[in-house]
Amino acid sequence: MKHDKEPERIILFDGVCNFCDMSVQFVIKHDPEGLFSFASLQSDIGQKLLKKYQLPVEQFDSLILIKAGQTYRKSTAVLHIVKSLPGLWRYLGIFLVIPRPLRDGVYSLIAKYRHKWFGKKDKCLIPDHDIRKRFLS
């Protein structure tokens, strides 16, 4: 990592998934304070973070949030992310009261078909200059 200290909130995402890219773009658009940093699961830094937090390094079917040293996966990660965004998005965090197996069932269904429904890229796109600093390398 180029940072001296690990950022407090890191989103690890599938760098070749169009749906995942749209999700990252959504967070960037709704995170004016720049609370979140990003890395693709396939990148060197993504792989290092997965190993550091003892997470599978070859499974790219889950968005992962690292927040203050804690890891969150699947629907729990998504809901913790939206809870941190300003405006009405934060109220979606109420869905954390739904049992995780139910939430993750819906998440897993979307994850299973995301490439079929939304397509995928050959490689992760390089972000615009303005937001590049939020991507870890």
Protein backbone atom coordinates (compact mmCIF):
# COMPACT_ATOMS: atom_id res chain seq x y z
CA MET A 1 0.00 0.00 0.00
CA LYS A 2 1.24 3.47 -0.73
CA HIS A 3 -0.43 4.71 2.44
CA ASP A 4 1.58 4.76 5.66
CA LYS A 5 -1.48 3.58 7.50
CA GLU A 6 -4.32 1.39 6.26
CA PRO A 7 -7.43 3.45 5.47
CA GLU A 8 -10.26 3.04 7.97
CA ARG A 9 -12.81 1.86 5.36
CA ILE A 10 -11.79 -0.26 2.37
CA ILE A 11 -14.15 -1.87 -0.11
CA LEU A 12 -12.76 -4.91 -1.92
CA PHE A 13 -14.69 -5.72 -5.09
CA ASP A 14 -14.55 -7.98 -8.14
CA GLY A 15 -12.58 -5.85 -10.58
CA VAL A 16 -13.91 -7.51 -13.74
CA CYS A 17 -17.62 -7.46 -12.79
CA ASN A 18 -19.72 -4.72 -14.38
CA PHE A 19 -22.26 -4.82 -11.54
CA CYS A 20 -19.47 -4.48 -8.99
CA ASP A 21 -18.04 -1.54 -10.94
CA MET A 22 -21.47 0.13 -10.97
CA SER A 23 -21.67 -0.44 -7.20
CA VAL A 24 -18.28 1.20 -6.65
CA GLN A 25 -19.31 4.13 -8.86
CA PHE A 26 -22.50 4.46 -6.78
CA VAL A 27 -20.49 4.64 -3.55
CA ILE A 28 -18.08 7.19 -5.03
CA LYS A 29 -21.00 9.36 -6.19
CA HIS A 30 -22.72 9.22 -2.78
CA ASP A 31 -19.59 9.51 -0.62
CA PRO A 32 -18.63 13.18 -0.93
CA GLU A 33 -16.38 13.00 2.13
CA GLY A 34 -14.31 10.21 0.59
CA LEU A 35 -14.77 7.87 3.55
CA PHE A 36 -14.16 4.77 1.45
CA SER A 37 -11.06 3.54 -0.35
CA PHE A 38 -11.22 0.78 -2.94
CA ALA A 39 -9.22 -2.15 -4.27
CA SER A 40 -10.15 -4.96 -6.59
CA LEU A 41 -10.03 -8.44 -5.13
CA GLN A 42 -7.73 -9.49 -7.98
CA SER A 43 -5.17 -6.72 -7.43
CA ASP A 44 -1.93 -7.21 -5.52
CA ILE A 45 -3.16 -5.02 -2.66
CA GLY A 46 -6.53 -6.80 -2.66
CA GLN A 47 -4.79 -10.15 -2.38
CA LYS A 48 -2.54 -8.86 0.43
CA LEU A 49 -5.56 -7.59 2.35
CA LEU A 50 -7.40 -10.89 1.88
CA LYS A 51 -4.40 -12.77 3.27
CA LYS A 52 -3.96 -10.29 6.13
CA TYR A 53 -7.59 -10.79 7.20
CA GLN A 54 -7.49 -14.55 6.53
CA LEU A 55 -10.14 -14.45 3.80
CA PRO A 56 -10.26 -16.69 0.70
CA VAL A 57 -7.94 -15.32 -2.00
CA GLU A 58 -9.56 -17.06 -4.97
CA GLN A 59 -13.26 -16.39 -4.36
CA PHE A 60 -14.54 -13.19 -5.93
CA ASP A 61 -18.25 -13.69 -5.25
CA SER A 62 -18.48 -11.31 -2.31
CA LEU A 63 -17.99 -7.63 -1.79
CA ILE A 64 -15.84 -7.19 1.30
CA LEU A 65 -15.76 -4.20 3.61
CA ILE A 66 -12.82 -3.70 5.93
CA LYS A 67 -13.81 -1.14 8.54
CA ALA A 68 -11.56 -0.29 11.47
CA GLY A 69 -9.89 -3.71 11.29
CA GLN A 70 -13.16 -5.68 11.09
CA THR A 71 -14.25 -7.51 7.95
CA TYR A 72 -17.79 -7.71 6.63
CA ARG A 73 -18.95 -9.81 3.69
CA LYS A 74 -21.94 -10.10 1.40
CA SER A 75 -25.14 -8.33 2.52
CA THR A 76 -23.62 -7.25 5.82
CA ALA A 77 -20.87 -5.39 3.96
CA VAL A 78 -23.38 -3.70 1.65
CA LEU A 79 -25.59 -2.59 4.53
CA HIS A 80 -22.66 -1.25 6.55
CA ILE A 81 -21.54 0.70 3.48
CA VAL A 82 -24.94 2.34 2.87
CA LYS A 83 -25.25 3.10 6.61
CA SER A 84 -22.13 5.27 6.23
CA LEU A 85 -23.46 7.27 3.29
CA PRO A 86 -25.20 10.60 3.84
CA GLY A 87 -28.87 11.15 3.20
CA LEU A 88 -31.61 8.57 3.03
CA TRP A 89 -29.23 5.74 2.05
CA ARG A 90 -28.20 5.30 5.68
CA TYR A 91 -31.71 4.16 6.59
CA LEU A 92 -31.25 1.01 4.50
CA GLY A 93 -29.10 -0.17 7.40
CA ILE A 94 -32.37 -1.15 9.10
CA PHE A 95 -32.24 -4.31 6.98
CA LEU A 96 -29.45 -5.55 9.27
CA VAL A 97 -32.28 -6.74 11.54
CA ILE A 98 -33.22 -9.34 8.91
CA PRO A 99 -31.41 -12.61 9.71
CA ARG A 100 -28.13 -12.82 7.83
CA PRO A 101 -28.90 -16.17 6.14
CA LEU A 102 -31.95 -14.59 4.46
CA ARG A 103 -30.07 -11.45 3.42
CA ASP A 104 -27.09 -13.45 2.19
CA GLY A 105 -29.39 -15.77 0.23
CA VAL A 106 -30.59 -12.83 -1.85
CA TYR A 107 -27.04 -11.50 -2.11
CA SER A 108 -25.71 -14.89 -3.26
CA LEU A 109 -28.41 -15.19 -5.92
CA ILE A 110 -27.42 -11.83 -7.39
CA ALA A 111 -23.71 -12.70 -7.08
CA LYS A 112 -24.23 -16.00 -8.87
CA TYR A 113 -25.80 -14.38 -11.94
CA ARG A 114 -24.10 -10.96 -11.92
CA HIS A 115 -21.78 -11.75 -14.83
CA LYS A 116 -24.63 -13.19 -16.89
CA TRP A 117 -26.96 -10.26 -16.16
CA PHE A 118 -24.48 -7.38 -16.23
CA GLY A 119 -21.46 -8.79 -18.08
CA LYS A 120 -17.80 -8.63 -17.19
CA LYS A 121 -14.62 -6.94 -18.34
CA ASP A 122 -11.26 -8.41 -19.30
CA LYS A 123 -9.60 -6.23 -16.67
CA CYS A 124 -10.36 -3.61 -14.08
CA LEU A 125 -10.86 -0.11 -15.48
CA ILE A 126 -8.57 2.69 -14.37
CA PRO A 127 -10.60 5.40 -12.59
CA ASP A 128 -10.60 9.07 -13.55
CA HIS A 129 -7.78 11.20 -12.16
CA ASP A 130 -10.08 12.84 -9.58
CA ILE A 131 -10.98 9.57 -7.86
CA ARG A 132 -7.82 7.56 -8.54
CA LYS A 133 -6.37 8.55 -5.16
CA ARG A 134 -9.18 6.60 -3.46
CA PHE A 135 -8.02 3.37 -5.11
CA LEU A 136 -5.30 1.53 -3.27
CA SER A 137 -2.25 0.31 -5.13
